[in-house]
Amino acid sequence: MTFQVTVQPSGRQFECDEGETVLTAAIRAGVGLPYGCKNGACGTCKGKLLSGEVTHGAHQEKALSVAEERNGYSLFCCAIPHSDIAIEAREVLGLGDIPIRKMPTRVAALDKVTDDVMIISLQLPATERMQYRAGQYIEFLLKDGKRRSYSMASAPHIGEQLSLHIRHMPGGVFTDHVFNTMKVRDILRFEGPLGSFFLREDSGKPMVLLASGTGFAPIKAIIEEATLKNTGRSMVLYWGGRRPQDLYMHRQCEEWARTLPNFRYVPVISDAHPQDNWSGRTGFVHRAVMEDLPDLSAYQVYACGAPVMVDSAKQDFVALCKLPEDEFFADAFTSEADLAAG
């Protein structure tokens, strides 16, 4: 049995198989519904259910509250239709233009840049070329059927290898493997590109780029893409970490600030120790943005990192700094531990 999904206001339609989520069916049909985590944690795919019936699988309360569900909102990554439905969603233009593929890849290099951050370079088969937009991610397909998501850390035009920044989560099955047993030339499989977090090229607005930890990876790709295309847009990067060593590509960011026109870099440390000799900005990274730019009404914001940072930034920027809600683009890095806690 299949059900028909109609997206408003565009009027686009696609079919959803029985037991399939709305988002899974939309991705298969090439319909550009916005999404991030695909597992009920980030709320990016939330929209209105205009007619019909759905049930929701497991998800976090912050992504879709009971009150929101009562008021007709739906989380499309967890929503399973039981009839034909009509939904209201802001489609992402061009999202379905690049095919999502499953591909093998070989580990080309492992570069441990800090005690808990590894930069992995992946070599694709000689006859393959990976199409994606700066900011998107891939999912590794593990042997137990589980998946792990990581953003591409370079723009599509840079080199033939994919670069990923992976933070060690002690006890995490995949990151323990990356840090303890993975070797150069190992073969992995992944699916991608995924996600609706990428540079919006139809805007000329100045950009605030906000990252915490390895959330810097897709932000780095966006900076490289905007630079290559010579957009002329003003960019300011706020990168936050607990300790200075968490800003593992600090020198690269300083080099951008020296050489790129219209680019500024503001590093922010939340838990500096006396031995760090840190003399820069301190506190929460999104608060530094608010101190410097109390009026964000004319900006676009791209945010990536810990869910608490992304959620706080969106809430405060919209409520206190006049940022239009539809000019906040985000990718919250949700770990298995985050899901369990939620």
C-alpha atoms as a PDB file:
ATOM      1  CA  MET A   1       0.000   0.000   0.000  1.00  0.00           C
ATOM      2  CA  THR A   2       1.193   3.535  -0.765  1.00  0.00           C
ATOM      3  CA  PHE A   3      -0.040   6.942   0.321  1.00  0.00           C
ATOM      4  CA  GLN A   4       0.230  10.219  -1.558  1.00  0.00           C
ATOM      5  CA  VAL A   5       1.983  13.160   0.068  1.00  0.00           C
ATOM      6  CA  THR A   6       1.214  16.671  -1.232  1.00  0.00           C
ATOM      7  CA  VAL A   7       3.614  19.451  -0.273  1.00  0.00           C
ATOM      8  CA  GLN A   8       2.239  22.975   0.066  1.00  0.00           C
ATOM      9  CA  PRO A   9       2.662  25.673  -1.093  1.00  0.00           C
ATOM     10  CA  SER A  10       4.557  24.126  -4.036  1.00  0.00           C
ATOM     11  CA  GLY A  11       1.896  21.493  -4.814  1.00  0.00           C
ATOM     12  CA  ARG A  12       4.560  18.816  -5.433  1.00  0.00           C
ATOM     13  CA  GLN A  13       3.461  15.247  -4.798  1.00  0.00           C
ATOM     14  CA  PHE A  14       5.230  11.975  -4.062  1.00  0.00           C
ATOM     15  CA  GLU A  15       4.323   8.488  -2.876  1.00  0.00           C
ATOM     16  CA  CYS A  16       5.139   7.094   0.546  1.00  0.00           C
ATOM     17  CA  ASP A  17       5.171   3.341   1.119  1.00  0.00           C
ATOM     18  CA  GLU A  18       3.337   1.812   4.058  1.00  0.00           C
ATOM     19  CA  GLY A  19       5.555   2.026   7.162  1.00  0.00           C
ATOM     20  CA  GLU A  20       7.919   4.515   5.509  1.00  0.00           C
ATOM     21  CA  THR A  21       8.603   7.953   6.950  1.00  0.00           C
ATOM     22  CA  VAL A  22       7.645  11.065   5.011  1.00  0.00           C
ATOM     23  CA  LEU A  23      11.277  12.226   4.871  1.00  0.00           C
ATOM     24  CA  THR A  24      12.610   8.896   3.575  1.00  0.00           C
ATOM     25  CA  ALA A  25      10.013   8.920   0.795  1.00  0.00           C
ATOM     26  CA  ALA A  26      10.775  12.568  -0.050  1.00  0.00           C
ATOM     27  CA  ILE A  27      14.519  11.894  -0.338  1.00  0.00           C
ATOM     28  CA  ARG A  28      13.829   8.876  -2.562  1.00  0.00           C
ATOM     29  CA  ALA A  29      11.580  11.016  -4.774  1.00  0.00           C
ATOM     30  CA  GLY A  30      14.060  13.888  -5.000  1.00  0.00           C
ATOM     31  CA  VAL A  31      11.778  16.310  -3.163  1.00  0.00           C
ATOM     32  CA  GLY A  32      13.814  18.829  -1.163  1.00  0.00           C
ATOM     33  CA  LEU A  33      12.360  18.807   2.330  1.00  0.00           C
ATOM     34  CA  PRO A  34      14.820  20.389   4.780  1.00  0.00           C
ATOM     35  CA  TYR A  35      16.460  17.898   7.151  1.00  0.00           C
ATOM     36  CA  GLY A  36      19.499  17.285   9.297  1.00  0.00           C
ATOM     37  CA  CYS A  37      19.906  14.333  11.656  1.00  0.00           C
ATOM     38  CA  LYS A  38      17.141  12.058  10.271  1.00  0.00           C
ATOM     39  CA  ASN A  39      16.647  10.558  13.744  1.00  0.00           C
ATOM     40  CA  GLY A  40      14.212  12.841  15.570  1.00  0.00           C
ATOM     41  CA  ALA A  41      16.756  14.965  17.412  1.00  0.00           C
ATOM     42  CA  CYS A  42      17.321  18.266  15.603  1.00  0.00           C
ATOM     43  CA  GLY A  43      13.869  19.428  14.469  1.00  0.00           C
ATOM     44  CA  THR A  44      15.086  20.708  11.082  1.00  0.00           C
ATOM     45  CA  CYS A  45      12.426  18.707   9.207  1.00  0.00           C
ATOM     46  CA  LYS A  46       9.496  19.986  11.308  1.00  0.00           C
ATOM     47  CA  GLY A  47       6.485  21.279   9.377  1.00  0.00           C
ATOM     48  CA  LYS A  48       2.685  21.438   9.422  1.00  0.00           C
ATOM     49  CA  LEU A  49       0.395  18.493   8.838  1.00  0.00           C
ATOM     50  CA  LEU A  50      -2.483  20.078   6.914  1.00  0.00           C
ATOM     51  CA  SER A  51      -4.618  16.966   6.410  1.00  0.00           C
ATOM     52  CA  GLY A  52      -4.489  13.216   6.877  1.00  0.00           C
ATOM     53  CA  GLU A  53      -3.106  11.042   9.657  1.00  0.00           C
ATOM     54  CA  VAL A  54       0.434  10.172  10.765  1.00  0.00           C
ATOM     55  CA  THR A  55       2.018   8.553  13.781  1.00  0.00           C
ATOM     56  CA  HIS A  56       5.427   9.579  15.054  1.00  0.00           C
ATOM     57  CA  GLY A  57       8.242   7.222  15.936  1.00  0.00           C
ATOM     58  CA  ALA A  58      10.707   7.870  18.765  1.00  0.00           C
ATOM     59  CA  HIS A  59      11.984  11.447  18.855  1.00  0.00           C
ATOM     60  CA  GLN A  60      13.227  14.058  21.279  1.00  0.00           C
ATOM     61  CA  GLU A  61      10.804  16.427  22.974  1.00  0.00           C
ATOM     62  CA  LYS A  62      12.857  19.455  21.941  1.00  0.00           C
ATOM     63  CA  ALA A  63      12.477  18.464  18.278  1.00  0.00           C
ATOM     64  CA  LEU A  64       8.683  18.095  18.488  1.00  0.00           C
ATOM     65  CA  SER A  65       6.826  18.799  21.706  1.00  0.00           C
ATOM     66  CA  VAL A  66       3.463  17.358  22.657  1.00  0.00           C
ATOM     67  CA  ALA A  67       1.967  20.855  22.392  1.00  0.00           C
ATOM     68  CA  GLU A  68       3.370  21.320  18.883  1.00  0.00           C
ATOM     69  CA  GLU A  69       1.976  17.977  17.786  1.00  0.00           C
ATOM     70  CA  ARG A  70      -1.441  18.934  19.160  1.00  0.00           C
ATOM     71  CA  ASN A  71      -1.225  22.164  17.150  1.00  0.00           C
ATOM     72  CA  GLY A  72      -0.737  20.284  13.909  1.00  0.00           C
ATOM     73  CA  TYR A  73       3.053  20.140  13.605  1.00  0.00           C
ATOM     74  CA  SER A  74       4.852  17.037  12.413  1.00  0.00           C
ATOM     75  CA  LEU A  75       8.448  15.790  12.429  1.00  0.00           C
ATOM     76  CA  PHE A  76       8.780  14.341   8.957  1.00  0.00           C
ATOM     77  CA  CYS A  77      11.811  12.132   9.694  1.00  0.00           C
ATOM     78  CA  CYS A  78       9.652  10.219  12.199  1.00  0.00           C
ATOM     79  CA  ALA A  79       6.170  10.684  10.687  1.00  0.00           C
ATOM     80  CA  ILE A  80       4.604   7.554   9.162  1.00  0.00           C
ATOM     81  CA  PRO A  81       1.428   8.242   7.152  1.00  0.00           C
ATOM     82  CA  HIS A  82      -1.734   6.156   7.575  1.00  0.00           C
ATOM     83  CA  SER A  83      -3.616   7.949   4.806  1.00  0.00           C
ATOM     84  CA  ASP A  84      -2.965  10.384   1.994  1.00  0.00           C
ATOM     85  CA  ILE A  85      -1.613  13.542   3.622  1.00  0.00           C
ATOM     86  CA  ALA A  86      -0.934  17.187   2.829  1.00  0.00           C
ATOM     87  CA  ILE A  87       1.958  18.942   4.531  1.00  0.00           C
ATOM     88  CA  GLU A  88       3.313  22.463   4.652  1.00  0.00           C
ATOM     89  CA  ALA A  89       7.074  22.741   4.303  1.00  0.00           C
ATOM     90  CA  ARG A  90       9.635  25.181   2.943  1.00  0.00           C
ATOM     91  CA  GLU A  91      11.329  23.203   0.183  1.00  0.00           C
ATOM     92  CA  VAL A  92      15.064  23.553  -0.391  1.00  0.00           C
ATOM     93  CA  LEU A  93      15.609  24.370  -4.047  1.00  0.00           C
ATOM     94  CA  GLY A  94      18.008  22.075  -5.840  1.00  0.00           C
ATOM     95  CA  LEU A  95      18.333  19.610  -2.948  1.00  0.00           C
ATOM     96  CA  GLY A  96      17.147  16.706  -5.075  1.00  0.00           C
ATOM     97  CA  ASP A  97      19.411  17.552  -8.028  1.00  0.00           C
ATOM     98  CA  ILE A  98      22.423  15.569  -6.778  1.00  0.00           C
ATOM     99  CA  PRO A  99      21.863  11.801  -6.545  1.00  0.00           C
ATOM    100  CA  ILE A 100      22.355  10.086  -3.188  1.00  0.00           C
ATOM    101  CA  ARG A 101      24.585   7.042  -3.692  1.00  0.00           C
ATOM    102  CA  LYS A 102      26.165   4.207  -1.739  1.00  0.00           C
ATOM    103  CA  MET A 103      29.878   4.008  -2.456  1.00  0.00           C
ATOM    104  CA  PRO A 104      33.012   2.185  -1.289  1.00  0.00           C
ATOM    105  CA  THR A 105      35.989   4.240  -0.169  1.00  0.00           C
ATOM    106  CA  ARG A 106      39.542   3.596   0.988  1.00  0.00           C
ATOM    107  CA  VAL A 107      41.211   5.317   3.949  1.00  0.00           C
ATOM    108  CA  ALA A 108      44.002   7.374   2.377  1.00  0.00           C
ATOM    109  CA  ALA A 109      45.349   9.128   5.478  1.00  0.00           C
ATOM    110  CA  LEU A 110      44.795   9.396   9.224  1.00  0.00           C
ATOM    111  CA  ASP A 111      46.018  12.617  10.842  1.00  0.00           C
ATOM    112  CA  LYS A 112      45.561  12.843  14.619  1.00  0.00           C
ATOM    113  CA  VAL A 113      45.606  16.622  15.118  1.00  0.00           C
ATOM    114  CA  THR A 114      44.761  16.570  18.846  1.00  0.00           C
ATOM    115  CA  ASP A 115      44.299  13.852  21.462  1.00  0.00           C
ATOM    116  CA  ASP A 116      40.635  13.524  20.474  1.00  0.00           C
ATOM    117  CA  VAL A 117      40.350  14.794  16.874  1.00  0.00           C
ATOM    118  CA  MET A 118      41.300  12.753  13.817  1.00  0.00           C
ATOM    119  CA  ILE A 119      41.244  14.104  10.256  1.00  0.00           C
ATOM    120  CA  ILE A 120      40.497  11.264   7.846  1.00  0.00           C
ATOM    121  CA  SER A 121      41.131  11.488   4.113  1.00  0.00           C
ATOM    122  CA  LEU A 122      39.061   9.129   1.965  1.00  0.00           C
ATOM    123  CA  GLN A 123      39.980   8.046  -1.556  1.00  0.00           C
ATOM    124  CA  LEU A 124      37.082   7.222  -3.878  1.00  0.00           C
ATOM    125  CA  PRO A 125      37.314   4.633  -6.668  1.00  0.00           C
ATOM    126  CA  ALA A 126      39.295   5.923  -9.659  1.00  0.00           C
ATOM    127  CA  THR A 127      36.204   6.099 -11.875  1.00  0.00           C
ATOM    128  CA  GLU A 128      33.999   7.863  -9.303  1.00  0.00           C
ATOM    129  CA  ARG A 129      33.525  11.516  -8.470  1.00  0.00           C
ATOM    130  CA  MET A 130      31.579  12.627  -5.423  1.00  0.00           C
ATOM    131  CA  GLN A 131      29.081  15.413  -6.091  1.00  0.00           C
ATOM    132  CA  TYR A 132      27.924  17.354  -3.031  1.00  0.00           C
ATOM    133  CA  ARG A 133      27.316  20.822  -1.709  1.00  0.00           C
ATOM    134  CA  ALA A 134      29.648  22.405   0.828  1.00  0.00           C
ATOM    135  CA  GLY A 135      28.147  21.711   4.264  1.00  0.00           C
ATOM    136  CA  GLN A 136      26.553  18.326   3.517  1.00  0.00           C
ATOM    137  CA  TYR A 137      27.441  15.026   5.199  1.00  0.00           C
ATOM    138  CA  ILE A 138      27.838  11.311   4.523  1.00  0.00           C
ATOM    139  CA  GLU A 139      26.753   8.304   6.577  1.00  0.00           C
ATOM    140  CA  PHE A 140      29.138   5.403   7.101  1.00  0.00           C
ATOM    141  CA  LEU A 141      27.347   2.057   6.762  1.00  0.00           C
ATOM    142  CA  LEU A 142      28.550  -0.165   9.608  1.00  0.00           C
ATOM    143  CA  LYS A 143      28.485  -3.950   9.676  1.00  0.00           C
ATOM    144  CA  ASP A 144      25.832  -4.069  12.421  1.00  0.00           C
ATOM    145  CA  GLY A 145      23.431  -2.064  10.261  1.00  0.00           C
ATOM    146  CA  LYS A 146      24.004   1.162  12.182  1.00  0.00           C
ATOM    147  CA  ARG A 147      25.141   4.419  10.589  1.00  0.00           C
ATOM    148  CA  ARG A 148      27.444   7.225  11.644  1.00  0.00           C
ATOM    149  CA  SER A 149      27.237  10.714  10.118  1.00  0.00           C
ATOM    150  CA  TYR A 150      30.154  13.055   9.367  1.00  0.00           C
ATOM    151  CA  SER A 151      30.302  16.274   7.377  1.00  0.00           C
ATOM    152  CA  MET A 152      32.655  16.811   4.475  1.00  0.00           C
ATOM    153  CA  ALA A 153      35.320  19.264   5.638  1.00  0.00           C
ATOM    154  CA  SER A 154      36.336  20.639   2.262  1.00  0.00           C
ATOM    155  CA  ALA A 155      34.504  22.144  -0.680  1.00  0.00           C
ATOM    156  CA  PRO A 156      33.699  19.826  -3.606  1.00  0.00           C
ATOM    157  CA  HIS A 157      36.279  21.426  -5.883  1.00  0.00           C
ATOM    158  CA  ILE A 158      39.257  20.834  -3.575  1.00  0.00           C
ATOM    159  CA  GLY A 159      41.118  17.621  -4.396  1.00  0.00           C
ATOM    160  CA  GLU A 160      39.830  14.182  -5.261  1.00  0.00           C
ATOM    161  CA  GLN A 161      39.721  12.995  -1.646  1.00  0.00           C
ATOM    162  CA  LEU A 162      37.037  13.577   0.964  1.00  0.00           C
ATOM    163  CA  SER A 163      38.160  15.020   4.291  1.00  0.00           C
ATOM    164  CA  LEU A 164      36.322  14.376   7.570  1.00  0.00           C
ATOM    165  CA  HIS A 165      36.988  15.667  11.112  1.00  0.00           C
ATOM    166  CA  ILE A 166      36.122  13.017  13.708  1.00  0.00           C
ATOM    167  CA  ARG A 167      36.091  13.577  17.457  1.00  0.00           C
ATOM    168  CA  HIS A 168      36.754  10.581  19.720  1.00  0.00           C
ATOM    169  CA  MET A 169      33.749   9.652  21.840  1.00  0.00           C
ATOM    170  CA  PRO A 170      35.220   7.150  24.370  1.00  0.00           C
ATOM    171  CA  GLY A 171      33.116   4.002  24.305  1.00  0.00           C
ATOM    172  CA  GLY A 172      31.697   4.890  20.912  1.00  0.00           C
ATOM    173  CA  VAL A 173      31.925   1.845  18.658  1.00  0.00           C
ATOM    174  CA  PHE A 174      32.921   3.731  15.512  1.00  0.00           C
ATOM    175  CA  THR A 175      35.197   6.403  16.989  1.00  0.00           C
ATOM    176  CA  ASP A 176      36.995   3.822  19.166  1.00  0.00           C
ATOM    177  CA  HIS A 177      37.704   1.964  15.924  1.00  0.00           C
ATOM    178  CA  VAL A 178      38.892   5.152  14.190  1.00  0.00           C
ATOM    179  CA  PHE A 179      41.329   6.032  16.984  1.00  0.00           C
ATOM    180  CA  ASN A 180      42.494   2.564  17.996  1.00  0.00           C
ATOM    181  CA  THR A 181      42.373   0.113  15.088  1.00  0.00           C
ATOM    182  CA  MET A 182      41.621   1.867  11.778  1.00  0.00           C
ATOM    183  CA  LYS A 183      44.505   1.765   9.305  1.00  0.00           C
ATOM    184  CA  VAL A 184      45.387   3.442   6.037  1.00  0.00           C
ATOM    185  CA  ARG A 185      44.001   1.435   3.093  1.00  0.00           C
ATOM    186  CA  ASP A 186      41.024   0.101   5.102  1.00  0.00           C
ATOM    187  CA  ILE A 187      37.833  -0.113   3.034  1.00  0.00           C
ATOM    188  CA  LEU A 188      34.626   1.575   4.223  1.00  0.00           C
ATOM    189  CA  ARG A 189      31.187   2.098   2.698  1.00  0.00           C
ATOM    190  CA  PHE A 190      29.086   5.232   2.928  1.00  0.00           C
ATOM    191  CA  GLU A 191      25.920   6.846   1.600  1.00  0.00           C
ATOM    192  CA  GLY A 192      25.670  10.468   0.561  1.00  0.00           C
ATOM    193  CA  PRO A 193      25.532  13.331   0.123  1.00  0.00           C
ATOM    194  CA  LEU A 194      22.903  14.050   2.758  1.00  0.00           C
ATOM    195  CA  GLY A 195      21.435  17.035   4.567  1.00  0.00           C
ATOM    196  CA  SER A 196      20.050  20.448   3.694  1.00  0.00           C
ATOM    197  CA  PHE A 197      22.829  22.381   5.462  1.00  0.00           C
ATOM    198  CA  PHE A 198      24.805  24.079   2.706  1.00  0.00           C
ATOM    199  CA  LEU A 199      25.703  27.512   1.353  1.00  0.00           C
ATOM    200  CA  ARG A 200      22.685  29.398  -0.019  1.00  0.00           C
ATOM    201  CA  GLU A 201      24.121  30.997  -3.136  1.00  0.00           C
ATOM    202  CA  ASP A 202      20.988  32.988  -3.997  1.00  0.00           C
ATOM    203  CA  SER A 203      21.645  35.480  -1.185  1.00  0.00           C
ATOM    204  CA  GLY A 204      24.097  38.349  -0.929  1.00  0.00           C
ATOM    205  CA  LYS A 205      23.652  38.833   2.819  1.00  0.00           C
ATOM    206  CA  PRO A 206      26.684  38.921   5.114  1.00  0.00           C
ATOM    207  CA  MET A 207      27.248  35.600   6.864  1.00  0.00           C
ATOM    208  CA  VAL A 208      27.863  34.670  10.482  1.00  0.00           C
ATOM    209  CA  LEU A 209      29.569  31.278  10.596  1.00  0.00           C
ATOM    210  CA  LEU A 210      29.200  29.693  14.031  1.00  0.00           C
ATOM    211  CA  ALA A 211      30.987  26.484  15.066  1.00  0.00           C
ATOM    212  CA  SER A 212      31.804  24.530  18.179  1.00  0.00           C
ATOM    213  CA  GLY A 213      34.409  21.768  18.201  1.00  0.00           C
ATOM    214  CA  THR A 214      34.391  19.612  15.069  1.00  0.00           C
ATOM    215  CA  GLY A 215      31.321  21.504  13.917  1.00  0.00           C
ATOM    216  CA  PHE A 216      34.041  23.529  12.210  1.00  0.00           C
ATOM    217  CA  ALA A 217      34.258  20.852   9.467  1.00  0.00           C
ATOM    218  CA  PRO A 218      31.252  21.839   7.291  1.00  0.00           C
ATOM    219  CA  ILE A 219      31.815  25.523   8.098  1.00  0.00           C
ATOM    220  CA  LYS A 220      35.326  25.159   6.649  1.00  0.00           C
ATOM    221  CA  ALA A 221      33.815  23.714   3.469  1.00  0.00           C
ATOM    222  CA  ILE A 222      31.348  26.604   3.220  1.00  0.00           C
ATOM    223  CA  ILE A 223      34.145  29.168   3.604  1.00  0.00           C
ATOM    224  CA  GLU A 224      36.150  27.462   0.843  1.00  0.00           C
ATOM    225  CA  GLU A 225      33.110  27.329  -1.438  1.00  0.00           C
ATOM    226  CA  ALA A 226      32.228  31.004  -0.915  1.00  0.00           C
ATOM    227  CA  THR A 227      35.857  31.956  -1.515  1.00  0.00           C
ATOM    228  CA  LEU A 228      36.127  29.921  -4.719  1.00  0.00           C
ATOM    229  CA  LYS A 229      32.950  31.427  -6.126  1.00  0.00           C
ATOM    230  CA  ASN A 230      34.108  34.909  -5.149  1.00  0.00           C
ATOM    231  CA  THR A 231      30.685  35.789  -3.784  1.00  0.00           C
ATOM    232  CA  GLY A 232      31.930  39.052  -2.305  1.00  0.00           C
ATOM    233  CA  ARG A 233      29.867  38.362   0.801  1.00  0.00           C
ATOM    234  CA  SER A 234      31.168  39.393   4.184  1.00  0.00           C
ATOM    235  CA  MET A 235      31.976  36.425   6.448  1.00  0.00           C
ATOM    236  CA  VAL A 236      32.753  36.325  10.158  1.00  0.00           C
ATOM    237  CA  LEU A 237      33.676  33.004  11.777  1.00  0.00           C
ATOM    238  CA  TYR A 238      33.076  32.440  15.491  1.00  0.00           C
ATOM    239  CA  TRP A 239      34.678  29.141  16.548  1.00  0.00           C
ATOM    240  CA  GLY A 240      34.233  27.970  20.118  1.00  0.00           C
ATOM    241  CA  GLY A 241      35.984  25.326  22.195  1.00  0.00           C
ATOM    242  CA  ARG A 242      36.487  24.469  25.843  1.00  0.00           C
ATOM    243  CA  ARG A 243      40.295  24.769  25.653  1.00  0.00           C
ATOM    244  CA  PRO A 244      42.509  26.430  23.020  1.00  0.00           C
ATOM    245  CA  GLN A 245      43.635  23.048  21.659  1.00  0.00           C
ATOM    246  CA  ASP A 246      40.012  22.354  20.658  1.00  0.00           C
ATOM    247  CA  LEU A 247      40.471  24.931  17.875  1.00  0.00           C
ATOM    248  CA  TYR A 248      42.611  22.437  15.973  1.00  0.00           C
ATOM    249  CA  MET A 249      42.881  24.507  12.754  1.00  0.00           C
ATOM    250  CA  HIS A 250      43.340  27.863  14.477  1.00  0.00           C
ATOM    251  CA  ARG A 251      46.322  28.804  12.280  1.00  0.00           C
ATOM    252  CA  GLN A 252      44.339  28.133   9.109  1.00  0.00           C
ATOM    253  CA  CYS A 253      41.597  30.466  10.333  1.00  0.00           C
ATOM    254  CA  GLU A 254      44.135  33.164  11.158  1.00  0.00           C
ATOM    255  CA  GLU A 255      45.586  32.773   7.660  1.00  0.00           C
ATOM    256  CA  TRP A 256      42.117  33.258   6.142  1.00  0.00           C
ATOM    257  CA  ALA A 257      41.691  36.394   8.241  1.00  0.00           C
ATOM    258  CA  ARG A 258      44.981  37.745   6.887  1.00  0.00           C
ATOM    259  CA  THR A 259      44.441  36.875   3.236  1.00  0.00           C
ATOM    260  CA  LEU A 260      40.711  36.786   2.446  1.00  0.00           C
ATOM    261  CA  PRO A 261      38.859  40.051   1.839  1.00  0.00           C
ATOM    262  CA  ASN A 262      35.730  40.568   3.949  1.00  0.00           C
ATOM    263  CA  PHE A 263      36.633  37.725   6.352  1.00  0.00           C
ATOM    264  CA  ARG A 264      37.024  37.948  10.142  1.00  0.00           C
ATOM    265  CA  TYR A 265      37.829  35.266  12.700  1.00  0.00           C
ATOM    266  CA  VAL A 266      36.798  35.323  16.361  1.00  0.00           C
ATOM    267  CA  PRO A 267      37.992  32.351  18.467  1.00  0.00           C
ATOM    268  CA  VAL A 268      36.145  31.880  21.768  1.00  0.00           C
ATOM    269  CA  ILE A 269      37.201  29.646  24.686  1.00  0.00           C
ATOM    270  CA  SER A 270      34.759  28.671  27.437  1.00  0.00           C
ATOM    271  CA  ASP A 271      37.002  26.894  29.963  1.00  0.00           C
ATOM    272  CA  ALA A 272      40.555  28.207  29.614  1.00  0.00           C
ATOM    273  CA  HIS A 273      43.044  27.071  32.293  1.00  0.00           C
ATOM    274  CA  PRO A 274      45.784  29.360  33.639  1.00  0.00           C
ATOM    275  CA  GLN A 275      48.450  27.294  31.873  1.00  0.00           C
ATOM    276  CA  ASP A 276      46.719  27.941  28.531  1.00  0.00           C
ATOM    277  CA  ASN A 277      47.750  31.611  28.653  1.00  0.00           C
ATOM    278  CA  TRP A 278      44.593  32.435  26.689  1.00  0.00           C
ATOM    279  CA  SER A 279      44.112  36.168  26.163  1.00  0.00           C
ATOM    280  CA  GLY A 280      41.256  36.040  23.646  1.00  0.00           C
ATOM    281  CA  ARG A 281      37.476  35.975  24.012  1.00  0.00           C
ATOM    282  CA  THR A 282      35.917  33.739  26.656  1.00  0.00           C
ATOM    283  CA  GLY A 283      32.449  32.395  27.424  1.00  0.00           C
ATOM    284  CA  PHE A 284      29.787  30.848  25.215  1.00  0.00           C
ATOM    285  CA  VAL A 285      30.533  31.251  21.529  1.00  0.00           C
ATOM    286  CA  HIS A 286      27.021  32.296  20.498  1.00  0.00           C
ATOM    287  CA  ARG A 287      27.034  34.969  23.202  1.00  0.00           C
ATOM    288  CA  ALA A 288      30.144  36.469  21.600  1.00  0.00           C
ATOM    289  CA  VAL A 289      28.139  36.877  18.392  1.00  0.00           C
ATOM    290  CA  MET A 290      25.378  38.657  20.296  1.00  0.00           C
ATOM    291  CA  GLU A 291      27.862  41.018  21.960  1.00  0.00           C
ATOM    292  CA  ASP A 292      29.411  41.970  18.616  1.00  0.00           C
ATOM    293  CA  LEU A 293      26.281  41.904  16.444  1.00  0.00           C
ATOM    294  CA  PRO A 294      23.217  42.764  18.535  1.00  0.00           C
ATOM    295  CA  ASP A 295      21.202  43.366  15.348  1.00  0.00           C
ATOM    296  CA  LEU A 296      21.259  40.332  13.013  1.00  0.00           C
ATOM    297  CA  SER A 297      18.251  41.384  10.954  1.00  0.00           C
ATOM    298  CA  ALA A 298      20.324  41.696   7.762  1.00  0.00           C
ATOM    299  CA  TYR A 299      22.421  38.529   8.219  1.00  0.00           C
ATOM    300  CA  GLN A 300      22.401  34.828   7.397  1.00  0.00           C
ATOM    301  CA  VAL A 301      23.692  32.459  10.076  1.00  0.00           C
ATOM    302  CA  TYR A 302      25.254  29.035   9.464  1.00  0.00           C
ATOM    303  CA  ALA A 303      25.718  27.109  12.721  1.00  0.00           C
ATOM    304  CA  CYS A 304      27.175  23.681  13.370  1.00  0.00           C
ATOM    305  CA  GLY A 305      28.249  21.870  16.512  1.00  0.00           C
ATOM    306  CA  ALA A 306      26.846  20.612  19.784  1.00  0.00           C
ATOM    307  CA  PRO A 307      23.021  20.587  19.905  1.00  0.00           C
ATOM    308  CA  VAL A 308      22.923  22.822  22.995  1.00  0.00           C
ATOM    309  CA  MET A 309      24.961  25.493  21.172  1.00  0.00           C
ATOM    310  CA  VAL A 310      22.869  25.320  18.000  1.00  0.00           C
ATOM    311  CA  ASP A 311      19.566  25.401  19.897  1.00  0.00           C
ATOM    312  CA  SER A 312      20.648  28.303  22.130  1.00  0.00           C
ATOM    313  CA  ALA A 313      21.953  30.283  19.162  1.00  0.00           C
ATOM    314  CA  LYS A 314      18.744  29.942  17.178  1.00  0.00           C
ATOM    315  CA  GLN A 315      16.541  30.825  20.111  1.00  0.00           C
ATOM    316  CA  ASP A 316      18.579  33.851  21.199  1.00  0.00           C
ATOM    317  CA  PHE A 317      19.417  35.186  17.734  1.00  0.00           C
ATOM    318  CA  VAL A 318      15.765  35.139  16.677  1.00  0.00           C
ATOM    319  CA  ALA A 319      14.295  36.388  19.962  1.00  0.00           C
ATOM    320  CA  LEU A 320      16.934  38.949  20.954  1.00  0.00           C
ATOM    321  CA  CYS A 321      18.882  39.899  17.811  1.00  0.00           C
ATOM    322  CA  LYS A 322      16.086  40.195  15.203  1.00  0.00           C
ATOM    323  CA  LEU A 323      17.454  37.386  13.013  1.00  0.00           C
ATOM    324  CA  PRO A 324      14.753  36.184  10.596  1.00  0.00           C
ATOM    325  CA  GLU A 325      14.053  32.568  11.548  1.00  0.00           C
ATOM    326  CA  ASP A 326      14.376  31.392   7.945  1.00  0.00           C
ATOM    327  CA  GLU A 327      17.905  32.833   7.734  1.00  0.00           C
ATOM    328  CA  PHE A 328      19.259  30.440  10.381  1.00  0.00           C
ATOM    329  CA  PHE A 329      20.742  27.286   8.849  1.00  0.00           C
ATOM    330  CA  ALA A 330      22.094  24.617  11.157  1.00  0.00           C
ATOM    331  CA  ASP A 331      23.494  21.144  11.535  1.00  0.00           C
ATOM    332  CA  ALA A 332      23.569  19.878  15.113  1.00  0.00           C
ATOM    333  CA  PHE A 333      26.070  17.060  15.683  1.00  0.00           C
ATOM    334  CA  THR A 334      23.944  14.505  17.520  1.00  0.00           C
ATOM    335  CA  SER A 335      25.856  11.534  18.947  1.00  0.00           C
ATOM    336  CA  GLU A 336      24.483   8.207  20.157  1.00  0.00           C
ATOM    337  CA  ALA A 337      24.983   9.534  23.694  1.00  0.00           C
ATOM    338  CA  ASP A 338      22.884  12.607  22.867  1.00  0.00           C
ATOM    339  CA  LEU A 339      20.105  10.375  21.527  1.00  0.00           C
ATOM    340  CA  ALA A 340      20.196   8.188  24.620  1.00  0.00           C
ATOM    341  CA  ALA A 341      20.085  11.242  26.882  1.00  0.00           C
ATOM    342  CA  GLY A 342      17.137  12.632  24.895  1.00  0.00           C
END
